[in-house]
PDB file of all heavy atoms in Angstrom:
ATOM      1  N   VAL A   1      -4.916  -7.209  -4.339  1.00  0.00           N
ATOM      2  CA  VAL A   1      -5.291  -6.012  -5.104  1.00  0.00           C
ATOM      3  C   VAL A   1      -6.338  -5.174  -4.409  1.00  0.00           C
ATOM      4  O   VAL A   1      -6.279  -3.942  -4.398  1.00  0.00           O
ATOM      5  CB  VAL A   1      -5.769  -6.407  -6.519  1.00  0.00           C
ATOM      6  CG1 VAL A   1      -6.442  -5.287  -7.242  1.00  0.00           C
ATOM      7  CG2 VAL A   1      -4.605  -6.896  -7.356  1.00  0.00           C
ATOM      8  N   SER A   2      -7.294  -5.811  -3.800  1.00  0.00           N
ATOM      9  CA  SER A   2      -8.333  -5.142  -3.023  1.00  0.00           C
ATOM     10  C   SER A   2      -7.705  -4.315  -1.883  1.00  0.00           C
ATOM     11  O   SER A   2      -8.069  -3.181  -1.631  1.00  0.00           O
ATOM     12  CB  SER A   2      -9.366  -6.081  -2.474  1.00  0.00           C
ATOM     13  OG  SER A   2     -10.031  -6.792  -3.504  1.00  0.00           O
ATOM     14  N   LEU A   3      -6.762  -4.961  -1.191  1.00  0.00           N
ATOM     15  CA  LEU A   3      -6.084  -4.313  -0.069  1.00  0.00           C
ATOM     16  C   LEU A   3      -5.284  -3.108  -0.540  1.00  0.00           C
ATOM     17  O   LEU A   3      -5.404  -1.975  -0.029  1.00  0.00           O
ATOM     18  CB  LEU A   3      -5.168  -5.248   0.661  1.00  0.00           C
ATOM     19  CG  LEU A   3      -4.253  -4.674   1.715  1.00  0.00           C
ATOM     20  CD1 LEU A   3      -5.083  -4.063   2.890  1.00  0.00           C
ATOM     21  CD2 LEU A   3      -3.297  -5.724   2.261  1.00  0.00           C
ATOM     22  N   PHE A   4      -4.405  -3.312  -1.529  1.00  0.00           N
ATOM     23  CA  PHE A   4      -3.506  -2.254  -1.940  1.00  0.00           C
ATOM     24  C   PHE A   4      -4.239  -1.116  -2.713  1.00  0.00           C
ATOM     25  O   PHE A   4      -3.810   0.019  -2.677  1.00  0.00           O
ATOM     26  CB  PHE A   4      -2.400  -2.810  -2.838  1.00  0.00           C
ATOM     27  CG  PHE A   4      -1.433  -3.712  -2.063  1.00  0.00           C
ATOM     28  CD1 PHE A   4      -0.998  -4.903  -2.595  1.00  0.00           C
ATOM     29  CD2 PHE A   4      -0.973  -3.354  -0.836  1.00  0.00           C
ATOM     30  CE1 PHE A   4      -0.172  -5.748  -1.919  1.00  0.00           C
ATOM     31  CE2 PHE A   4      -0.103  -4.172  -0.107  1.00  0.00           C
ATOM     32  CZ  PHE A   4       0.291  -5.396  -0.671  1.00  0.00           C
ATOM     33  N   SER A   5      -5.359  -1.458  -3.331  1.00  0.00           N
ATOM     34  CA  SER A   5      -6.134  -0.411  -3.975  1.00  0.00           C
ATOM     35  C   SER A   5      -6.744   0.497  -2.923  1.00  0.00           C
ATOM     36  O   SER A   5      -6.747   1.752  -3.081  1.00  0.00           O
ATOM     37  CB  SER A   5      -7.286  -1.032  -4.804  1.00  0.00           C
ATOM     38  OG  SER A   5      -6.756  -1.786  -5.906  1.00  0.00           O
ATOM     39  N   PHE A   6      -7.261  -0.091  -1.858  1.00  0.00           N
ATOM     40  CA  PHE A   6      -7.809   0.738  -0.733  1.00  0.00           C
ATOM     41  C   PHE A   6      -6.723   1.598  -0.124  1.00  0.00           C
ATOM     42  O   PHE A   6      -6.930   2.789   0.111  1.00  0.00           O
ATOM     43  CB  PHE A   6      -8.405  -0.205   0.327  1.00  0.00           C
ATOM     44  CG  PHE A   6      -8.681   0.541   1.595  1.00  0.00           C
ATOM     45  CD1 PHE A   6      -9.606   1.618   1.634  1.00  0.00           C
ATOM     46  CD2 PHE A   6      -8.053   0.138   2.818  1.00  0.00           C
ATOM     47  CE1 PHE A   6      -9.854   2.262   2.819  1.00  0.00           C
ATOM     48  CE2 PHE A   6      -8.344   0.850   3.980  1.00  0.00           C
ATOM     49  CZ  PHE A   6      -9.239   1.906   4.007  1.00  0.00           C
ATOM     50  N   VAL A   7      -5.520   1.037   0.099  1.00  0.00           N
ATOM     51  CA  VAL A   7      -4.440   1.854   0.662  1.00  0.00           C
ATOM     52  C   VAL A   7      -4.106   3.006  -0.261  1.00  0.00           C
ATOM     53  O   VAL A   7      -3.784   4.121   0.212  1.00  0.00           O
ATOM     54  CB  VAL A   7      -3.189   0.969   0.876  1.00  0.00           C
ATOM     55  CG1 VAL A   7      -2.015   1.838   1.318  1.00  0.00           C
ATOM     56  CG2 VAL A   7      -3.463  -0.114   1.931  1.00  0.00           C
ATOM     57  N   GLY A   8      -4.250   2.798  -1.574  1.00  0.00           N
ATOM     58  CA  GLY A   8      -3.975   3.834  -2.543  1.00  0.00           C
ATOM     59  C   GLY A   8      -4.938   4.992  -2.456  1.00  0.00           C
ATOM     60  O   GLY A   8      -4.652   6.112  -2.941  1.00  0.00           O
ATOM     61  N   THR A   9      -6.121   4.772  -1.874  1.00  0.00           N
ATOM     62  CA  THR A   9      -7.088   5.873  -1.681  1.00  0.00           C
ATOM     63  C   THR A   9      -6.779   6.686  -0.391  1.00  0.00           C
ATOM     64  O   THR A   9      -7.282   7.790  -0.200  1.00  0.00           O
ATOM     65  CB  THR A   9      -8.528   5.357  -1.557  1.00  0.00           C
ATOM     66  OG1 THR A   9      -8.652   4.558  -0.365  1.00  0.00           O
ATOM     67  CG2 THR A   9      -8.891   4.508  -2.770  1.00  0.00           C
ATOM     68  N   LEU A  10      -5.911   6.128   0.439  1.00  0.00           N
ATOM     69  CA  LEU A  10      -5.553   6.774   1.683  1.00  0.00           C
ATOM     70  C   LEU A  10      -4.316   7.649   1.598  1.00  0.00           C
ATOM     71  O   LEU A  10      -4.200   8.643   2.270  1.00  0.00           O
ATOM     72  CB  LEU A  10      -5.347   5.733   2.800  1.00  0.00           C
ATOM     73  CG  LEU A  10      -6.540   4.839   3.155  1.00  0.00           C
ATOM     74  CD1 LEU A  10      -6.109   3.807   4.168  1.00  0.00           C
ATOM     75  CD2 LEU A  10      -7.684   5.679   3.704  1.00  0.00           C
ATOM     76  N   THR A  11      -3.354   7.216   0.757  1.00  0.00           N
ATOM     77  CA  THR A  11      -2.076   7.897   0.669  1.00  0.00           C
ATOM     78  C   THR A  11      -1.501   7.723  -0.714  1.00  0.00           C
ATOM     79  O   THR A  11      -1.659   6.673  -1.338  1.00  0.00           O
ATOM     80  CB  THR A  11      -1.091   7.356   1.711  1.00  0.00           C
ATOM     81  OG1 THR A  11       0.176   7.951   1.491  1.00  0.00           O
ATOM     82  CG2 THR A  11      -0.950   5.862   1.629  1.00  0.00           C
ATOM     83  N   THR A  12      -0.810   8.707  -1.198  1.00  0.00           N
ATOM     84  CA  THR A  12      -0.109   8.664  -2.466  1.00  0.00           C
ATOM     85  C   THR A  12       1.217   7.911  -2.287  1.00  0.00           C
ATOM     86  O   THR A  12       1.895   7.675  -3.297  1.00  0.00           O
ATOM     87  CB  THR A  12       0.182  10.057  -3.034  1.00  0.00           C
ATOM     88  OG1 THR A  12       0.925  10.817  -2.081  1.00  0.00           O
ATOM     89  CG2 THR A  12      -1.138  10.775  -3.346  1.00  0.00           C
ATOM     90  N   ARG A  13       1.552   7.518  -1.066  1.00  0.00           N
ATOM     91  CA  ARG A  13       2.781   6.776  -0.783  1.00  0.00           C
ATOM     92  C   ARG A  13       2.412   5.286  -0.532  1.00  0.00           C
ATOM     93  O   ARG A  13       3.045   4.587   0.242  1.00  0.00           O
ATOM     94  CB  ARG A  13       3.482   7.331   0.404  1.00  0.00           C
ATOM     95  CG  ARG A  13       3.972   8.749   0.218  1.00  0.00           C
ATOM     96  CD  ARG A  13       5.072   8.838  -0.797  1.00  0.00           C
ATOM     97  NE  ARG A  13       5.561  10.225  -0.976  1.00  0.00           N
ATOM     98  CZ  ARG A  13       5.129  11.041  -1.899  1.00  0.00           C
ATOM     99  NH1 ARG A  13       4.187  10.620  -2.737  1.00  0.00           N
ATOM    100  NH2 ARG A  13       5.582  12.259  -2.000  1.00  0.00           N
ATOM    101  N   ALA A  14       1.354   4.825  -1.264  1.00  0.00           N
ATOM    102  CA  ALA A  14       0.900   3.484  -1.072  1.00  0.00           C
ATOM    103  C   ALA A  14       1.972   2.424  -1.386  1.00  0.00           C
ATOM    104  O   ALA A  14       2.028   1.344  -0.775  1.00  0.00           O
ATOM    105  CB  ALA A  14      -0.366   3.218  -1.922  1.00  0.00           C
ATOM    106  N   VAL A  15       2.794   2.742  -2.388  1.00  0.00           N
ATOM    107  CA  VAL A  15       3.835   1.742  -2.787  1.00  0.00           C
ATOM    108  C   VAL A  15       4.858   1.561  -1.642  1.00  0.00           C
ATOM    109  O   VAL A  15       5.290   0.454  -1.347  1.00  0.00           O
ATOM    110  CB  VAL A  15       4.579   2.201  -4.074  1.00  0.00           C
ATOM    111  CG1 VAL A  15       5.785   1.323  -4.349  1.00  0.00           C
ATOM    112  CG2 VAL A  15       3.623   2.197  -5.238  1.00  0.00           C
ATOM    113  N   VAL A  16       5.217   2.671  -0.974  1.00  0.00           N
ATOM    114  CA  VAL A  16       6.123   2.590   0.155  1.00  0.00           C
ATOM    115  C   VAL A  16       5.515   1.778   1.268  1.00  0.00           C
ATOM    116  O   VAL A  16       6.196   0.845   1.817  1.00  0.00           O
ATOM    117  CB  VAL A  16       6.472   4.003   0.684  1.00  0.00           C
ATOM    118  CG1 VAL A  16       7.359   3.891   1.907  1.00  0.00           C
ATOM    119  CG2 VAL A  16       7.168   4.826  -0.428  1.00  0.00           C
ATOM    120  N   PHE A  17       4.273   2.023   1.619  1.00  0.00           N
ATOM    121  CA  PHE A  17       3.603   1.218   2.638  1.00  0.00           C
ATOM    122  C   PHE A  17       3.576  -0.208   2.205  1.00  0.00           C
ATOM    123  O   PHE A  17       3.837  -1.155   3.020  1.00  0.00           O
ATOM    124  CB  PHE A  17       2.175   1.729   2.824  1.00  0.00           C
ATOM    125  CG  PHE A  17       1.259   0.749   3.566  1.00  0.00           C
ATOM    126  CD1 PHE A  17       1.261   0.765   4.976  1.00  0.00           C
ATOM    127  CD2 PHE A  17       0.472  -0.163   2.888  1.00  0.00           C
ATOM    128  CE1 PHE A  17       0.460  -0.163   5.662  1.00  0.00           C
ATOM    129  CE2 PHE A  17      -0.291  -1.032   3.573  1.00  0.00           C
ATOM    130  CZ  PHE A  17      -0.360  -1.059   4.953  1.00  0.00           C
ATOM    131  N   GLY A  18       3.238  -0.487   0.926  1.00  0.00           N
ATOM    132  CA  GLY A  18       3.154  -1.855   0.439  1.00  0.00           C
ATOM    133  C   GLY A  18       4.449  -2.603   0.534  1.00  0.00           C
ATOM    134  O   GLY A  18       4.451  -3.796   0.889  1.00  0.00           O
ATOM    135  N   ILE A  19       5.552  -1.962   0.176  1.00  0.00           N
ATOM    136  CA  ILE A  19       6.830  -2.654   0.229  1.00  0.00           C
ATOM    137  C   ILE A  19       7.171  -3.069   1.660  1.00  0.00           C
ATOM    138  O   ILE A  19       7.613  -4.171   1.935  1.00  0.00           O
ATOM    139  CB  ILE A  19       7.951  -1.733  -0.338  1.00  0.00           C
ATOM    140  CG1 ILE A  19       7.754  -1.591  -1.853  1.00  0.00           C
ATOM    141  CG2 ILE A  19       9.326  -2.273  -0.011  1.00  0.00           C
ATOM    142  CD1 ILE A  19       8.752  -0.583  -2.482  1.00  0.00           C
ATOM    143  N   VAL A  20       6.898  -2.156   2.604  1.00  0.00           N
ATOM    144  CA  VAL A  20       7.139  -2.431   4.045  1.00  0.00           C
ATOM    145  C   VAL A  20       6.259  -3.607   4.450  1.00  0.00           C
ATOM    146  O   VAL A  20       6.692  -4.553   5.156  1.00  0.00           O
ATOM    147  CB  VAL A  20       6.907  -1.249   4.895  1.00  0.00           C
ATOM    148  CG1 VAL A  20       6.961  -1.644   6.378  1.00  0.00           C
ATOM    149  CG2 VAL A  20       7.851  -0.110   4.617  1.00  0.00           C
ATOM    150  N   TYR A  21       5.007  -3.593   3.994  1.00  0.00           N
ATOM    151  CA  TYR A  21       4.041  -4.625   4.365  1.00  0.00           C
ATOM    152  C   TYR A  21       4.423  -5.979   3.765  1.00  0.00           C
ATOM    153  O   TYR A  21       4.466  -7.002   4.472  1.00  0.00           O
ATOM    154  CB  TYR A  21       2.642  -4.252   3.906  1.00  0.00           C
ATOM    155  CG  TYR A  21       1.612  -5.334   4.060  1.00  0.00           C
ATOM    156  CD1 TYR A  21       1.033  -5.549   5.283  1.00  0.00           C
ATOM    157  CD2 TYR A  21       1.251  -6.148   2.978  1.00  0.00           C
ATOM    158  CE1 TYR A  21       0.069  -6.566   5.475  1.00  0.00           C
ATOM    159  CE2 TYR A  21       0.315  -7.157   3.134  1.00  0.00           C
ATOM    160  CZ  TYR A  21      -0.249  -7.385   4.360  1.00  0.00           C
ATOM    161  OH  TYR A  21      -1.207  -8.383   4.540  1.00  0.00           O
ATOM    162  N   VAL A  22       4.776  -5.971   2.475  1.00  0.00           N
ATOM    163  CA  VAL A  22       5.091  -7.233   1.777  1.00  0.00           C
ATOM    164  C   VAL A  22       6.329  -7.884   2.386  1.00  0.00           C
ATOM    165  O   VAL A  22       6.310  -9.024   2.789  1.00  0.00           O
ATOM    166  CB  VAL A  22       5.318  -6.966   0.279  1.00  0.00           C
ATOM    167  CG1 VAL A  22       5.888  -8.242  -0.394  1.00  0.00           C
ATOM    168  CG2 VAL A  22       4.003  -6.645  -0.374  1.00  0.00           C
ATOM    169  N   PHE A  23       7.422  -7.121   2.482  1.00  0.00           N
ATOM    170  CA  PHE A  23       8.693  -7.695   2.930  1.00  0.00           C
ATOM    171  C   PHE A  23       8.799  -7.781   4.462  1.00  0.00           C
ATOM    172  O   PHE A  23       9.433  -8.665   4.981  1.00  0.00           O
ATOM    173  CB  PHE A  23       9.871  -6.932   2.325  1.00  0.00           C
ATOM    174  CG  PHE A  23      10.035  -7.131   0.879  1.00  0.00           C
ATOM    175  CD1 PHE A  23       9.674  -6.114   0.003  1.00  0.00           C
ATOM    176  CD2 PHE A  23      10.512  -8.301   0.333  1.00  0.00           C
ATOM    177  CE1 PHE A  23       9.810  -6.318  -1.375  1.00  0.00           C
ATOM    178  CE2 PHE A  23      10.617  -8.484  -1.003  1.00  0.00           C
ATOM    179  CZ  PHE A  23      10.280  -7.495  -1.888  1.00  0.00           C
ATOM    180  N   GLY A  24       8.135  -6.799   5.135  1.00  0.00           N
ATOM    181  CA  GLY A  24       8.207  -6.819   6.585  1.00  0.00           C
ATOM    182  C   GLY A  24       7.229  -7.802   7.200  1.00  0.00           C
ATOM    183  O   GLY A  24       7.595  -8.654   8.034  1.00  0.00           O
TER     184      GLY A  24
END
């Protein structure tokens, strides 16, 4: 949650980044 929350402050496409990160 700490990681993905930070990513959410960088881009509004945080979910897309997260999916690539999680599964990739």
